[in-house]
Amino acid sequence: RRVNSLFDICDVQMEERKKDGGMAPACNILVRGVKAQVTNTASKILAGIDIANAFSRFYGLKMPLIVDNRERVDGDISLGKGQQLIELERYDTDFKIV
């Protein structure tokens, strides 16, 4: 609970059930109940931001956060108090499918 209280959308699963029914140590990042490695790109980006914000809060740091593929996320990205989002967009190159 102490670890998971630092996150807004992620949860850390510290144990998982083995096939024989026993429990085994684990460190799975869940995004709204789904393992992060099998979620879509937008959820992975939001999870990364959430994890960075958790470290910032825990250590009392303000650090820059660079997000690639921001266009994959619909809507606003929550960065936390006192942080600002600077978006860079590139329009000077035509892309072709070869």
PDB file of N, CA and C in Angstrom:
ATOM      1  N   ARG A   1       0.825  -1.205   0.000  1.00  0.00           N
ATOM      2  CA  ARG A   1       0.000   0.000   0.000  1.00  0.00           C
ATOM      3  C   ARG A   1       0.857   1.251   0.000  1.00  0.00           C
ATOM      4  N   ARG A   2       1.977   1.210   0.730  1.00  0.00           N
ATOM      5  CA  ARG A   2       2.835   2.388   0.804  1.00  0.00           C
ATOM      6  C   ARG A   2       3.399   2.745  -0.573  1.00  0.00           C
ATOM      7  N   VAL A   3       3.848   1.746  -1.304  1.00  0.00           N
ATOM      8  CA  VAL A   3       4.391   1.978  -2.645  1.00  0.00           C
ATOM      9  C   VAL A   3       3.283   2.432  -3.583  1.00  0.00           C
ATOM     10  N   ASN A   4       2.178   1.722  -3.591  1.00  0.00           N
ATOM     11  CA  ASN A   4       1.092   2.036  -4.519  1.00  0.00           C
ATOM     12  C   ASN A   4       0.429   3.379  -4.231  1.00  0.00           C
ATOM     13  N   SER A   5       0.582   3.899  -3.029  1.00  0.00           N
ATOM     14  CA  SER A   5       0.000   5.210  -2.721  1.00  0.00           C
ATOM     15  C   SER A   5       0.715   6.341  -3.469  1.00  0.00           C
ATOM     16  N   LEU A   6       1.896   6.077  -4.012  1.00  0.00           N
ATOM     17  CA  LEU A   6       2.650   7.088  -4.753  1.00  0.00           C
ATOM     18  C   LEU A   6       2.156   7.255  -6.191  1.00  0.00           C
ATOM     19  N   PHE A   7       1.386   6.303  -6.675  1.00  0.00           N
ATOM     20  CA  PHE A   7       0.968   6.292  -8.075  1.00  0.00           C
ATOM     21  C   PHE A   7      -0.466   6.757  -8.247  1.00  0.00           C
ATOM     22  N   ASP A   8      -0.752   7.314  -9.434  1.00  0.00           N
ATOM     23  CA  ASP A   8      -2.114   7.726  -9.769  1.00  0.00           C
ATOM     24  C   ASP A   8      -2.829   6.682 -10.623  1.00  0.00           C
ATOM     25  N   ILE A   9      -2.141   6.108 -11.618  1.00  0.00           N
ATOM     26  CA  ILE A   9      -2.801   5.130 -12.489  1.00  0.00           C
ATOM     27  C   ILE A   9      -2.146   3.749 -12.441  1.00  0.00           C
ATOM     28  N   CYS A  10      -0.943   3.668 -11.889  1.00  0.00           N
ATOM     29  CA  CYS A  10      -0.223   2.389 -11.844  1.00  0.00           C
ATOM     30  C   CYS A  10      -0.366   1.730 -10.478  1.00  0.00           C
ATOM     31  N   ASP A  11      -0.173   0.438 -10.464  1.00  0.00           N
ATOM     32  CA  ASP A  11      -0.037  -0.341  -9.242  1.00  0.00           C
ATOM     33  C   ASP A  11       1.158  -1.249  -9.429  1.00  0.00           C
ATOM     34  N   VAL A  12       1.873  -1.520  -8.337  1.00  0.00           N
ATOM     35  CA  VAL A  12       2.973  -2.462  -8.378  1.00  0.00           C
ATOM     36  C   VAL A  12       2.504  -3.731  -7.696  1.00  0.00           C
ATOM     37  N   GLN A  13       2.562  -4.836  -8.431  1.00  0.00           N
ATOM     38  CA  GLN A  13       2.169  -6.143  -7.896  1.00  0.00           C
ATOM     39  C   GLN A  13       3.448  -6.799  -7.357  1.00  0.00           C
ATOM     40  N   MET A  14       3.521  -6.974  -6.042  1.00  0.00           N
ATOM     41  CA  MET A  14       4.739  -7.484  -5.407  1.00  0.00           C
ATOM     42  C   MET A  14       4.801  -9.007  -5.375  1.00  0.00           C
ATOM     43  N   GLU A  15       3.673  -9.647  -5.543  1.00  0.00           N
ATOM     44  CA  GLU A  15       3.619 -11.112  -5.575  1.00  0.00           C
ATOM     45  C   GLU A  15       2.638 -11.543  -6.649  1.00  0.00           C
ATOM     46  N   GLU A  16       2.875 -12.716  -7.201  1.00  0.00           N
ATOM     47  CA  GLU A  16       1.916 -13.268  -8.151  1.00  0.00           C
ATOM     48  C   GLU A  16       1.725 -14.744  -7.878  1.00  0.00           C
ATOM     49  N   ARG A  17       0.565 -15.228  -8.266  1.00  0.00           N
ATOM     50  CA  ARG A  17       0.229 -16.625  -8.027  1.00  0.00           C
ATOM     51  C   ARG A  17       0.905 -17.512  -9.063  1.00  0.00           C
ATOM     52  N   LYS A  18       1.568 -18.548  -8.573  1.00  0.00           N
ATOM     53  CA  LYS A  18       2.209 -19.528  -9.457  1.00  0.00           C
ATOM     54  C   LYS A  18       1.178 -20.549  -9.909  1.00  0.00           C
ATOM     55  N   LYS A  19       1.565 -21.380 -10.885  1.00  0.00           N
ATOM     56  CA  LYS A  19       0.652 -22.397 -11.408  1.00  0.00           C
ATOM     57  C   LYS A  19       0.248 -23.411 -10.350  1.00  0.00           C
ATOM     58  N   ASP A  20       1.131 -23.666  -9.383  1.00  0.00           N
ATOM     59  CA  ASP A  20       0.805 -24.635  -8.337  1.00  0.00           C
ATOM     60  C   ASP A  20      -0.044 -24.036  -7.215  1.00  0.00           C
ATOM     61  N   GLY A  21      -0.409 -22.764  -7.345  1.00  0.00           N
ATOM     62  CA  GLY A  21      -1.267 -22.110  -6.368  1.00  0.00           C
ATOM     63  C   GLY A  21      -0.512 -21.311  -5.329  1.00  0.00           C
ATOM     64  N   GLY A  22       0.794 -21.508  -5.218  1.00  0.00           N
ATOM     65  CA  GLY A  22       1.597 -20.757  -4.266  1.00  0.00           C
ATOM     66  C   GLY A  22       1.864 -19.343  -4.763  1.00  0.00           C
ATOM     67  N   MET A  23       2.486 -18.565  -3.908  1.00  0.00           N
ATOM     68  CA  MET A  23       2.820 -17.193  -4.255  1.00  0.00           C
ATOM     69  C   MET A  23       4.324 -17.082  -4.493  1.00  0.00           C
ATOM     70  N   ALA A  24       4.705 -16.219  -5.429  1.00  0.00           N
ATOM     71  CA  ALA A  24       6.105 -15.988  -5.754  1.00  0.00           C
ATOM     72  C   ALA A  24       6.361 -14.486  -5.790  1.00  0.00           C
ATOM     73  N   PRO A  25       7.561 -14.048  -5.389  1.00  0.00           N
ATOM     74  CA  PRO A  25       7.875 -12.626  -5.483  1.00  0.00           C
ATOM     75  C   PRO A  25       7.792 -12.145  -6.941  1.00  0.00           C
ATOM     76  N   ALA A  26       7.354 -10.932  -7.119  1.00  0.00           N
ATOM     77  CA  ALA A  26       7.221 -10.367  -8.467  1.00  0.00           C
ATOM     78  C   ALA A  26       7.393  -8.856  -8.384  1.00  0.00           C
ATOM     79  N   CYS A  27       7.555  -8.243  -9.504  1.00  0.00           N
ATOM     80  CA  CYS A  27       7.557  -6.786  -9.593  1.00  0.00           C
ATOM     81  C   CYS A  27       6.889  -6.431 -10.914  1.00  0.00           C
ATOM     82  N   ASN A  28       5.580  -6.550 -10.938  1.00  0.00           N
ATOM     83  CA  ASN A  28       4.797  -6.251 -12.135  1.00  0.00           C
ATOM     84  C   ASN A  28       4.169  -4.877 -11.999  1.00  0.00           C
ATOM     85  N   ILE A  29       4.311  -4.078 -13.045  1.00  0.00           N
ATOM     86  CA  ILE A  29       3.646  -2.779 -13.090  1.00  0.00           C
ATOM     87  C   ILE A  29       2.311  -2.989 -13.797  1.00  0.00           C
ATOM     88  N   LEU A  30       1.232  -2.639 -13.126  1.00  0.00           N
ATOM     89  CA  LEU A  30      -0.106  -2.763 -13.692  1.00  0.00           C
ATOM     90  C   LEU A  30      -0.642  -1.375 -14.007  1.00  0.00           C
ATOM     91  N   VAL A  31      -1.254  -1.245 -15.162  1.00  0.00           N
ATOM     92  CA  VAL A  31      -1.915  -0.002 -15.551  1.00  0.00           C
ATOM     93  C   VAL A  31      -3.403  -0.294 -15.584  1.00  0.00           C
ATOM     94  N   ARG A  32      -4.092   0.238 -14.595  1.00  0.00           N
ATOM     95  CA  ARG A  32      -5.534  -0.011 -14.451  1.00  0.00           C
ATOM     96  C   ARG A  32      -5.839  -1.512 -14.476  1.00  0.00           C
ATOM     97  N   GLY A  33      -5.007  -2.286 -13.767  1.00  0.00           N
ATOM     98  CA  GLY A  33      -5.233  -3.721 -13.606  1.00  0.00           C
ATOM     99  C   GLY A  33      -4.636  -4.613 -14.670  1.00  0.00           C
ATOM    100  N   VAL A  34      -4.006  -4.046 -15.703  1.00  0.00           N
ATOM    101  CA  VAL A  34      -3.424  -4.820 -16.803  1.00  0.00           C
ATOM    102  C   VAL A  34      -1.911  -4.645 -16.762  1.00  0.00           C
ATOM    103  N   LYS A  35      -1.163  -5.737 -16.982  1.00  0.00           N
ATOM    104  CA  LYS A  35       0.294  -5.633 -16.998  1.00  0.00           C
ATOM    105  C   LYS A  35       0.732  -4.615 -18.047  1.00  0.00           C
ATOM    106  N   ALA A  36       1.639  -3.730 -17.671  1.00  0.00           N
ATOM    107  CA  ALA A  36       2.054  -2.625 -18.541  1.00  0.00           C
ATOM    108  C   ALA A  36       2.633  -3.100 -19.870  1.00  0.00           C
ATOM    109  N   GLN A  37       3.326  -4.236 -19.861  1.00  0.00           N
ATOM    110  CA  GLN A  37       3.967  -4.684 -21.108  1.00  0.00           C
ATOM    111  C   GLN A  37       2.964  -5.130 -22.164  1.00  0.00           C
ATOM    112  N   VAL A  38       1.721  -5.348 -21.816  1.00  0.00           N
ATOM    113  CA  VAL A  38       0.731  -5.768 -22.816  1.00  0.00           C
ATOM    114  C   VAL A  38      -0.327  -4.698 -23.084  1.00  0.00           C
ATOM    115  N   THR A  39      -0.135  -3.497 -22.551  1.00  0.00           N
ATOM    116  CA  THR A  39      -1.086  -2.417 -22.806  1.00  0.00           C
ATOM    117  C   THR A  39      -0.717  -1.687 -24.096  1.00  0.00           C
ATOM    118  N   ASN A  40      -1.576  -0.784 -24.521  1.00  0.00           N
ATOM    119  CA  ASN A  40      -1.297  -0.021 -25.741  1.00  0.00           C
ATOM    120  C   ASN A  40      -0.260   1.069 -25.476  1.00  0.00           C
ATOM    121  N   THR A  41       0.203   1.707 -26.527  1.00  0.00           N
ATOM    122  CA  THR A  41       1.271   2.708 -26.419  1.00  0.00           C
ATOM    123  C   THR A  41       0.866   3.865 -25.517  1.00  0.00           C
ATOM    124  N   ALA A  42      -0.359   4.326 -25.629  1.00  0.00           N
ATOM    125  CA  ALA A  42      -0.811   5.445 -24.801  1.00  0.00           C
ATOM    126  C   ALA A  42      -0.729   5.089 -23.319  1.00  0.00           C
ATOM    127  N   SER A  43      -1.152   3.889 -22.956  1.00  0.00           N
ATOM    128  CA  SER A  43      -1.095   3.474 -21.556  1.00  0.00           C
ATOM    129  C   SER A  43       0.340   3.349 -21.071  1.00  0.00           C
ATOM    130  N   LYS A  44       1.242   2.891 -21.937  1.00  0.00           N
ATOM    131  CA  LYS A  44       2.657   2.799 -21.565  1.00  0.00           C
ATOM    132  C   LYS A  44       3.245   4.188 -21.325  1.00  0.00           C
ATOM    133  N   ILE A  45       2.873   5.148 -22.155  1.00  0.00           N
ATOM    134  CA  ILE A  45       3.356   6.512 -21.976  1.00  0.00           C
ATOM    135  C   ILE A  45       2.834   7.084 -20.660  1.00  0.00           C
ATOM    136  N   LEU A  46       1.550   6.915 -20.398  1.00  0.00           N
ATOM    137  CA  LEU A  46       0.960   7.410 -19.158  1.00  0.00           C
ATOM    138  C   LEU A  46       1.572   6.728 -17.936  1.00  0.00           C
ATOM    139  N   ALA A  47       1.871   5.420 -18.046  1.00  0.00           N
ATOM    140  CA  ALA A  47       2.510   4.700 -16.948  1.00  0.00           C
ATOM    141  C   ALA A  47       3.906   5.258 -16.690  1.00  0.00           C
ATOM    142  N   GLY A  48       4.653   5.536 -17.746  1.00  0.00           N
ATOM    143  CA  GLY A  48       5.984   6.110 -17.589  1.00  0.00           C
ATOM    144  C   GLY A  48       5.948   7.457 -16.895  1.00  0.00           C
ATOM    145  N   ILE A  49       4.992   8.276 -17.267  1.00  0.00           N
ATOM    146  CA  ILE A  49       4.827   9.582 -16.627  1.00  0.00           C
ATOM    147  C   ILE A  49       4.449   9.403 -15.161  1.00  0.00           C
ATOM    148  N   ASP A  50       3.556   8.476 -14.890  1.00  0.00           N
ATOM    149  CA  ASP A  50       3.126   8.208 -13.517  1.00  0.00           C
ATOM    150  C   ASP A  50       4.296   7.730 -12.658  1.00  0.00           C
ATOM    151  N   ILE A  51       5.133   6.863 -13.200  1.00  0.00           N
ATOM    152  CA  ILE A  51       6.294   6.363 -12.460  1.00  0.00           C
ATOM    153  C   ILE A  51       7.290   7.495 -12.209  1.00  0.00           C
ATOM    154  N   ALA A  52       7.542   8.326 -13.227  1.00  0.00           N
ATOM    155  CA  ALA A  52       8.454   9.467 -13.051  1.00  0.00           C
ATOM    156  C   ALA A  52       7.922  10.426 -11.989  1.00  0.00           C
ATOM    157  N   ASN A  53       6.621  10.686 -12.006  1.00  0.00           N
ATOM    158  CA  ASN A  53       6.016  11.564 -10.997  1.00  0.00           C
ATOM    159  C   ASN A  53       6.127  10.963  -9.604  1.00  0.00           C
ATOM    160  N   ALA A  54       5.979   9.640  -9.497  1.00  0.00           N
ATOM    161  CA  ALA A  54       6.095   8.972  -8.197  1.00  0.00           C
ATOM    162  C   ALA A  54       7.506   9.139  -7.633  1.00  0.00           C
ATOM    163  N   PHE A  55       8.529   8.949  -8.475  1.00  0.00           N
ATOM    164  CA  PHE A  55       9.906   9.158  -8.022  1.00  0.00           C
ATOM    165  C   PHE A  55      10.124  10.610  -7.622  1.00  0.00           C
ATOM    166  N   SER A  56       9.571  11.533  -8.389  1.00  0.00           N
ATOM    167  CA  SER A  56       9.705  12.957  -8.071  1.00  0.00           C
ATOM    168  C   SER A  56       9.110  13.263  -6.704  1.00  0.00           C
ATOM    169  N   ARG A  57       7.918  12.744  -6.445  1.00  0.00           N
ATOM    170  CA  ARG A  57       7.266  12.977  -5.157  1.00  0.00           C
ATOM    171  C   ARG A  57       8.051  12.323  -4.020  1.00  0.00           C
ATOM    172  N   PHE A  58       8.483  11.089  -4.219  1.00  0.00           N
ATOM    173  CA  PHE A  58       9.166  10.337  -3.159  1.00  0.00           C
ATOM    174  C   PHE A  58      10.485  11.004  -2.766  1.00  0.00           C
ATOM    175  N   TYR A  59      11.260  11.429  -3.764  1.00  0.00           N
ATOM    176  CA  TYR A  59      12.564  12.021  -3.488  1.00  0.00           C
ATOM    177  C   TYR A  59      12.528  13.545  -3.392  1.00  0.00           C
ATOM    178  N   GLY A  60      11.378  14.143  -3.609  1.00  0.00           N
ATOM    179  CA  GLY A  60      11.258  15.591  -3.522  1.00  0.00           C
ATOM    180  C   GLY A  60      12.004  16.318  -4.628  1.00  0.00           C
ATOM    181  N   LEU A  61      12.018  15.738  -5.822  1.00  0.00           N
ATOM    182  CA  LEU A  61      12.753  16.295  -6.950  1.00  0.00           C
ATOM    183  C   LEU A  61      11.820  16.921  -7.974  1.00  0.00           C
ATOM    184  N   LYS A  62      12.335  17.896  -8.665  1.00  0.00           N
ATOM    185  CA  LYS A  62      11.687  18.422  -9.866  1.00  0.00           C
ATOM    186  C   LYS A  62      12.636  18.110 -11.006  1.00  0.00           C
ATOM    187  N   MET A  63      12.207  17.289 -11.926  1.00  0.00           N
ATOM    188  CA  MET A  63      13.098  16.889 -13.013  1.00  0.00           C
ATOM    189  C   MET A  63      12.383  17.004 -14.343  1.00  0.00           C
ATOM    190  N   PRO A  64      13.151  17.255 -15.397  1.00  0.00           N
ATOM    191  CA  PRO A  64      12.517  17.317 -16.721  1.00  0.00           C
ATOM    192  C   PRO A  64      12.072  15.937 -17.158  1.00  0.00           C
ATOM    193  N   LEU A  65      11.012  15.900 -17.904  1.00  0.00           N
ATOM    194  CA  LEU A  65      10.478  14.643 -18.412  1.00  0.00           C
ATOM    195  C   LEU A  65      10.243  14.815 -19.906  1.00  0.00           C
ATOM    196  N   ILE A  66      10.902  13.983 -20.687  1.00  0.00           N
ATOM    197  CA  ILE A  66      10.761  14.050 -22.135  1.00  0.00           C
ATOM    198  C   ILE A  66       9.881  12.886 -22.571  1.00  0.00           C
ATOM    199  N   VAL A  67       8.808  13.199 -23.278  1.00  0.00           N
ATOM    200  CA  VAL A  67       7.842  12.190 -23.708  1.00  0.00           C
ATOM    201  C   VAL A  67       7.855  12.106 -25.221  1.00  0.00           C
ATOM    202  N   ASP A  68       8.192  10.941 -25.735  1.00  0.00           N
ATOM    203  CA  ASP A  68       8.156  10.718 -27.174  1.00  0.00           C
ATOM    204  C   ASP A  68       6.820  10.063 -27.513  1.00  0.00           C
ATOM    205  N   ASN A  69       6.323  10.259 -28.697  1.00  0.00           N
ATOM    206  CA  ASN A  69       5.036   9.716 -29.163  1.00  0.00           C
ATOM    207  C   ASN A  69       3.856  10.281 -28.383  1.00  0.00           C
ATOM    208  N   ARG A  70       3.951  11.520 -27.941  1.00  0.00           N
ATOM    209  CA  ARG A  70       2.876  12.165 -27.188  1.00  0.00           C
ATOM    210  C   ARG A  70       1.557  12.131 -27.959  1.00  0.00           C
ATOM    211  N   GLU A  71       1.639  12.139 -29.286  1.00  0.00           N
ATOM    212  CA  GLU A  71       0.427  12.157 -30.105  1.00  0.00           C
ATOM    213  C   GLU A  71      -0.402  10.892 -29.932  1.00  0.00           C
ATOM    214  N   ARG A  72       0.166   9.859 -29.346  1.00  0.00           N
ATOM    215  CA  ARG A  72      -0.565   8.607 -29.118  1.00  0.00           C
ATOM    216  C   ARG A  72      -1.563   8.706 -27.972  1.00  0.00           C
ATOM    217  N   VAL A  73      -1.397   9.718 -27.137  1.00  0.00           N
ATOM    218  CA  VAL A  73      -2.246   9.876 -25.960  1.00  0.00           C
ATOM    219  C   VAL A  73      -3.339  10.891 -26.270  1.00  0.00           C
ATOM    220  N   ASP A  74      -4.586  10.462 -26.152  1.00  0.00           N
ATOM    221  CA  ASP A  74      -5.714  11.371 -26.333  1.00  0.00           C
ATOM    222  C   ASP A  74      -5.898  12.193 -25.063  1.00  0.00           C
ATOM    223  N   GLY A  75      -6.220  13.444 -25.225  1.00  0.00           N
ATOM    224  CA  GLY A  75      -6.512  14.282 -24.075  1.00  0.00           C
ATOM    225  C   GLY A  75      -5.260  14.800 -23.388  1.00  0.00           C
ATOM    226  N   ASP A  76      -5.468  15.331 -22.191  1.00  0.00           N
ATOM    227  CA  ASP A  76      -4.388  15.955 -21.435  1.00  0.00           C
ATOM    228  C   ASP A  76      -3.548  14.919 -20.706  1.00  0.00           C
ATOM    229  N   ILE A  77      -2.286  15.274 -20.505  1.00  0.00           N
ATOM    230  CA  ILE A  77      -1.376  14.465 -19.705  1.00  0.00           C
ATOM    231  C   ILE A  77      -1.203  15.171 -18.373  1.00  0.00           C
ATOM    232  N   SER A  78      -1.429  14.457 -17.279  1.00  0.00           N
ATOM    233  CA  SER A  78      -1.264  15.029 -15.950  1.00  0.00           C
ATOM    234  C   SER A  78       0.197  14.919 -15.535  1.00  0.00           C
ATOM    235  N   LEU A  79       0.851  16.074 -15.386  1.00  0.00           N
ATOM    236  CA  LEU A  79       2.259  16.071 -15.004  1.00  0.00           C
ATOM    237  C   LEU A  79       2.467  16.353 -13.525  1.00  0.00           C
ATOM    238  N   GLY A  80       1.479  16.824 -12.852  1.00  0.00           N
ATOM    239  CA  GLY A  80       1.629  17.134 -11.434  1.00  0.00           C
ATOM    240  C   GLY A  80       1.698  18.631 -11.203  1.00  0.00           C
ATOM    241  N   LYS A  81       1.733  19.003  -9.933  1.00  0.00           N
ATOM    242  CA  LYS A  81       1.741  20.415  -9.548  1.00  0.00           C
ATOM    243  C   LYS A  81       3.053  21.077  -9.941  1.00  0.00           C
ATOM    244  N   GLY A  82       2.961  22.283 -10.427  1.00  0.00           N
ATOM    245  CA  GLY A  82       4.133  23.085 -10.699  1.00  0.00           C
ATOM    246  C   GLY A  82       4.939  22.653 -11.905  1.00  0.00           C
ATOM    247  N   GLN A  83       4.440  21.713 -12.681  1.00  0.00           N
ATOM    248  CA  GLN A  83       5.151  21.273 -13.872  1.00  0.00           C
ATOM    249  C   GLN A  83       4.418  21.787 -15.094  1.00  0.00           C
ATOM    250  N   GLN A  84       5.155  22.021 -16.156  1.00  0.00           N
ATOM    251  CA  GLN A  84       4.540  22.484 -17.381  1.00  0.00           C
ATOM    252  C   GLN A  84       4.890  21.545 -18.525  1.00  0.00           C
ATOM    253  N   LEU A  85       4.041  21.518 -19.507  1.00  0.00           N
ATOM    254  CA  LEU A  85       4.232  20.684 -20.680  1.00  0.00           C
ATOM    255  C   LEU A  85       4.611  21.584 -21.850  1.00  0.00           C
ATOM    256  N   ILE A  86       5.735  21.280 -22.470  1.00  0.00           N
ATOM    257  CA  ILE A  86       6.169  21.983 -23.675  1.00  0.00           C
ATOM    258  C   ILE A  86       6.124  20.968 -24.801  1.00  0.00           C
ATOM    259  N   GLU A  87       5.304  21.204 -25.797  1.00  0.00           N
ATOM    260  CA  GLU A  87       5.154  20.260 -26.897  1.00  0.00           C
ATOM    261  C   GLU A  87       5.881  20.766 -28.131  1.00  0.00           C
ATOM    262  N   LEU A  88       6.624  19.891 -28.766  1.00  0.00           N
ATOM    263  CA  LEU A  88       7.296  20.188 -30.014  1.00  0.00           C
ATOM    264  C   LEU A  88       6.637  19.371 -31.110  1.00  0.00           C
ATOM    265  N   GLU A  89       6.302  20.006 -32.212  1.00  0.00           N
ATOM    266  CA  GLU A  89       5.701  19.313 -33.339  1.00  0.00           C
ATOM    267  C   GLU A  89       6.530  19.595 -34.579  1.00  0.00           C
ATOM    268  N   ARG A  90       6.627  18.631 -35.439  1.00  0.00           N
ATOM    269  CA  ARG A  90       7.431  18.776 -36.651  1.00  0.00           C
ATOM    270  C   ARG A  90       6.523  18.718 -37.868  1.00  0.00           C
ATOM    271  N   TYR A  91       6.569  19.783 -38.658  1.00  0.00           N
ATOM    272  CA  TYR A  91       5.747  19.868 -39.861  1.00  0.00           C
ATOM    273  C   TYR A  91       6.566  20.071 -41.124  1.00  0.00           C
ATOM    274  N   ASP A  92       7.881  20.131 -41.028  1.00  0.00           N
ATOM    275  CA  ASP A  92       8.710  20.519 -42.171  1.00  0.00           C
ATOM    276  C   ASP A  92       9.103  19.384 -43.090  1.00  0.00           C
ATOM    277  N   THR A  93       8.691  18.159 -42.830  1.00  0.00           N
ATOM    278  CA  THR A  93       9.102  17.018 -43.642  1.00  0.00           C
ATOM    279  C   THR A  93       7.882  16.222 -44.078  1.00  0.00           C
ATOM    280  N   ASP A  94       7.870  15.877 -45.359  1.00  0.00           N
ATOM    281  CA  ASP A  94       6.825  14.991 -45.855  1.00  0.00           C
ATOM    282  C   ASP A  94       7.257  13.554 -45.613  1.00  0.00           C
ATOM    283  N   PHE A  95       6.358  12.729 -45.197  1.00  0.00           N
ATOM    284  CA  PHE A  95       6.668  11.328 -44.978  1.00  0.00           C
ATOM    285  C   PHE A  95       6.071  10.501 -46.118  1.00  0.00           C
ATOM    286  N   LYS A  96       6.828   9.559 -46.570  1.00  0.00           N
ATOM    287  CA  LYS A  96       6.358   8.690 -47.642  1.00  0.00           C
ATOM    288  C   LYS A  96       6.477   7.241 -47.209  1.00  0.00           C
ATOM    289  N   ILE A  97       5.516   6.438 -47.645  1.00  0.00           N
ATOM    290  CA  ILE A  97       5.592   5.001 -47.427  1.00  0.00           C
ATOM    291  C   ILE A  97       6.202   4.388 -48.677  1.00  0.00           C
ATOM    292  N   VAL A  98       7.340   3.734 -48.480  1.00  0.00           N
ATOM    293  CA  VAL A  98       8.060   3.162 -49.621  1.00  0.00           C
ATOM    294  C   VAL A  98       7.813   1.663 -49.680  1.00  0.00           C
TER     295      VAL A  98
END
